[in-house]
Amino acid sequence: MANSMWLKAVMNYHMKEKTIVSMCTLLTSLVAYWYAREANKDSVPYVMMGGFIGSIIGESIAEKVSDQTKR
């Protein structure tokens, strides 16, 4: 239920696919950086993995949004 409400909010905002992917990538990279700094670990691998995972999440969200707008 909450997932569909969030998806509708994103669709109403008319975000481009590139913007959605970039936003998710940035957000997960920052979370990974924050985690690495708090855990006193090298942040580079965490930021790289966070960005990769964020791009996958962003692509899936953008795909769902584009499928919903085409209907």
N, C-alpha and C. Protein backbone atom coordinates (compact mmCIF):
# COMPACT_ATOMS: atom_id res chain seq x y z
N MET A 1 0.82 -1.19 0.00
CA MET A 1 0.00 0.00 0.00
C MET A 1 0.87 1.26 0.00
N ALA A 2 1.82 1.33 0.92
CA ALA A 2 2.68 2.51 1.00
C ALA A 2 3.57 2.61 -0.23
N ASN A 3 3.99 1.46 -0.76
CA ASN A 3 4.84 1.45 -1.95
C ASN A 3 4.11 2.07 -3.13
N SER A 4 2.85 1.73 -3.31
CA SER A 4 2.10 2.28 -4.44
C SER A 4 1.83 3.77 -4.25
N MET A 5 1.67 4.22 -3.02
CA MET A 5 1.48 5.64 -2.76
C MET A 5 2.75 6.41 -3.11
N TRP A 6 3.90 5.86 -2.77
CA TRP A 6 5.17 6.51 -3.08
C TRP A 6 5.38 6.56 -4.58
N LEU A 7 5.03 5.46 -5.26
CA LEU A 7 5.19 5.40 -6.71
C LEU A 7 4.29 6.42 -7.39
N LYS A 8 3.08 6.59 -6.90
CA LYS A 8 2.17 7.59 -7.46
C LYS A 8 2.71 9.00 -7.24
N ALA A 9 3.31 9.24 -6.09
CA ALA A 9 3.89 10.56 -5.82
C ALA A 9 5.03 10.86 -6.77
N VAL A 10 5.87 9.87 -7.04
CA VAL A 10 6.98 10.06 -7.97
C VAL A 10 6.45 10.29 -9.38
N MET A 11 5.41 9.55 -9.76
CA MET A 11 4.84 9.70 -11.09
C MET A 11 4.23 11.08 -11.27
N ASN A 12 3.58 11.60 -10.25
CA ASN A 12 2.96 12.92 -10.34
C ASN A 12 4.01 14.02 -10.42
N TYR A 13 5.19 13.78 -9.95
CA TYR A 13 6.26 14.78 -9.98
C TYR A 13 6.90 14.86 -11.36
N HIS A 14 6.66 13.88 -12.22
CA HIS A 14 7.19 13.84 -13.59
C HIS A 14 8.71 13.92 -13.62
N MET A 15 9.35 13.04 -12.88
CA MET A 15 10.80 13.00 -12.88
C MET A 15 11.28 12.19 -14.09
N LYS A 16 12.38 12.61 -14.63
CA LYS A 16 12.99 11.85 -15.72
C LYS A 16 13.67 10.63 -15.14
N GLU A 17 13.82 9.60 -15.97
CA GLU A 17 14.46 8.36 -15.51
C GLU A 17 15.88 8.62 -15.02
N LYS A 18 16.61 9.45 -15.74
CA LYS A 18 17.99 9.75 -15.36
C LYS A 18 18.05 10.40 -13.98
N THR A 19 17.09 11.26 -13.68
CA THR A 19 17.06 11.93 -12.38
C THR A 19 16.78 10.94 -11.26
N ILE A 20 15.88 10.00 -11.49
CA ILE A 20 15.56 8.99 -10.48
C ILE A 20 16.78 8.13 -10.18
N VAL A 21 17.47 7.68 -11.22
CA VAL A 21 18.66 6.83 -11.03
C VAL A 21 19.75 7.61 -10.31
N SER A 22 19.97 8.85 -10.70
CA SER A 22 21.01 9.67 -10.07
C SER A 22 20.69 9.93 -8.60
N MET A 23 19.44 10.19 -8.30
CA MET A 23 19.04 10.45 -6.92
C MET A 23 19.24 9.22 -6.04
N CYS A 24 18.84 8.06 -6.53
CA CYS A 24 19.02 6.83 -5.75
C CYS A 24 20.49 6.49 -5.57
N THR A 25 21.29 6.69 -6.61
CA THR A 25 22.72 6.42 -6.54
C THR A 25 23.39 7.33 -5.51
N LEU A 26 23.06 8.61 -5.55
CA LEU A 26 23.63 9.55 -4.60
C LEU A 26 23.23 9.21 -3.17
N LEU A 27 21.96 8.91 -2.98
CA LEU A 27 21.47 8.62 -1.63
C LEU A 27 22.15 7.38 -1.04
N THR A 28 22.23 6.30 -1.80
CA THR A 28 22.86 5.09 -1.27
C THR A 28 24.36 5.26 -1.10
N SER A 29 25.00 6.05 -1.96
CA SER A 29 26.43 6.32 -1.78
C SER A 29 26.69 7.09 -0.49
N LEU A 30 25.85 8.07 -0.21
CA LEU A 30 26.01 8.83 1.03
C LEU A 30 25.75 7.99 2.26
N VAL A 31 24.76 7.11 2.20
CA VAL A 31 24.50 6.21 3.33
C VAL A 31 25.67 5.27 3.53
N ALA A 32 26.23 4.74 2.45
CA ALA A 32 27.38 3.84 2.56
C ALA A 32 28.60 4.58 3.11
N TYR A 33 28.80 5.82 2.68
CA TYR A 33 29.91 6.62 3.19
C TYR A 33 29.74 6.88 4.68
N TRP A 34 28.53 7.22 5.09
CA TRP A 34 28.25 7.46 6.50
C TRP A 34 28.52 6.20 7.33
N TYR A 35 28.08 5.05 6.83
CA TYR A 35 28.31 3.80 7.55
C TYR A 35 29.81 3.52 7.69
N ALA A 36 30.54 3.67 6.61
CA ALA A 36 31.98 3.39 6.64
C ALA A 36 32.69 4.31 7.61
N ARG A 37 32.33 5.57 7.64
CA ARG A 37 32.97 6.52 8.56
C ARG A 37 32.63 6.20 10.00
N GLU A 38 31.40 5.81 10.27
CA GLU A 38 31.00 5.45 11.63
C GLU A 38 31.68 4.17 12.09
N ALA A 39 31.92 3.25 11.18
CA ALA A 39 32.55 1.98 11.52
C ALA A 39 34.07 2.05 11.46
N ASN A 40 34.62 3.24 11.16
CA ASN A 40 36.07 3.45 11.03
C ASN A 40 36.70 2.49 10.03
N LYS A 41 36.08 2.38 8.87
CA LYS A 41 36.59 1.53 7.80
C LYS A 41 36.91 2.40 6.59
N ASP A 42 37.64 1.83 5.65
CA ASP A 42 37.95 2.53 4.40
C ASP A 42 36.64 2.75 3.65
N SER A 43 36.36 3.99 3.28
CA SER A 43 35.05 4.31 2.72
C SER A 43 34.93 4.02 1.23
N VAL A 44 36.03 3.90 0.51
CA VAL A 44 35.97 3.76 -0.95
C VAL A 44 35.19 2.52 -1.39
N PRO A 45 35.47 1.32 -0.88
CA PRO A 45 34.69 0.17 -1.34
C PRO A 45 33.21 0.26 -0.98
N TYR A 46 32.93 0.83 0.18
CA TYR A 46 31.54 0.96 0.60
C TYR A 46 30.78 1.93 -0.29
N VAL A 47 31.40 3.04 -0.64
CA VAL A 47 30.75 4.02 -1.51
C VAL A 47 30.54 3.43 -2.90
N MET A 48 31.51 2.69 -3.39
CA MET A 48 31.37 2.07 -4.72
C MET A 48 30.22 1.06 -4.73
N MET A 49 30.15 0.22 -3.72
CA MET A 49 29.07 -0.76 -3.65
C MET A 49 27.72 -0.08 -3.42
N GLY A 50 27.71 0.96 -2.60
CA GLY A 50 26.48 1.70 -2.36
C GLY A 50 25.96 2.35 -3.62
N GLY A 51 26.85 2.92 -4.40
CA GLY A 51 26.46 3.53 -5.67
C GLY A 51 25.94 2.51 -6.66
N PHE A 52 26.58 1.36 -6.70
CA PHE A 52 26.14 0.30 -7.61
C PHE A 52 24.75 -0.20 -7.23
N ILE A 53 24.55 -0.45 -5.96
CA ILE A 53 23.24 -0.91 -5.50
C ILE A 53 22.18 0.16 -5.72
N GLY A 54 22.54 1.42 -5.49
CA GLY A 54 21.61 2.52 -5.71
C GLY A 54 21.21 2.66 -7.16
N SER A 55 22.16 2.41 -8.07
CA SER A 55 21.82 2.51 -9.49
C SER A 55 20.85 1.41 -9.90
N ILE A 56 21.01 0.23 -9.32
CA ILE A 56 20.08 -0.87 -9.60
C ILE A 56 18.69 -0.53 -9.06
N ILE A 57 18.64 -0.01 -7.85
CA ILE A 57 17.36 0.39 -7.27
C ILE A 57 16.72 1.49 -8.11
N GLY A 58 17.50 2.47 -8.49
CA GLY A 58 16.99 3.57 -9.30
C GLY A 58 16.47 3.12 -10.66
N GLU A 59 17.19 2.20 -11.28
CA GLU A 59 16.74 1.67 -12.57
C GLU A 59 15.41 0.95 -12.43
N SER A 60 15.25 0.17 -11.36
CA SER A 60 13.99 -0.56 -11.19
C SER A 60 12.83 0.40 -10.90
N ILE A 61 13.09 1.44 -10.12
CA ILE A 61 12.05 2.43 -9.86
C ILE A 61 11.69 3.18 -11.14
N ALA A 62 12.70 3.58 -11.90
CA ALA A 62 12.45 4.30 -13.15
C ALA A 62 11.68 3.44 -14.14
N GLU A 63 11.99 2.16 -14.16
CA GLU A 63 11.27 1.24 -15.05
C GLU A 63 9.80 1.14 -14.66
N LYS A 64 9.55 1.03 -13.36
CA LYS A 64 8.15 0.96 -12.89
C LYS A 64 7.41 2.26 -13.20
N VAL A 65 8.06 3.37 -13.02
CA VAL A 65 7.42 4.67 -13.30
C VAL A 65 7.12 4.79 -14.78
N SER A 66 8.06 4.42 -15.64
CA SER A 66 7.83 4.54 -17.08
C SER A 66 6.74 3.57 -17.54
N ASP A 67 6.67 2.38 -16.92
CA ASP A 67 5.60 1.42 -17.27
C ASP A 67 4.24 1.98 -16.86
N GLN A 68 4.18 2.61 -15.70
CA GLN A 68 2.91 3.15 -15.22
C GLN A 68 2.45 4.35 -16.06
N THR A 69 3.38 5.17 -16.52
CA THR A 69 2.99 6.33 -17.31
C THR A 69 2.60 5.98 -18.73
N LYS A 70 3.08 4.86 -19.24
CA LYS A 70 2.74 4.42 -20.59
C LYS A 70 1.33 3.84 -20.65
N ARG A 71 0.79 3.44 -19.53
CA ARG A 71 -0.54 2.82 -19.52
C ARG A 71 -1.61 3.83 -19.62
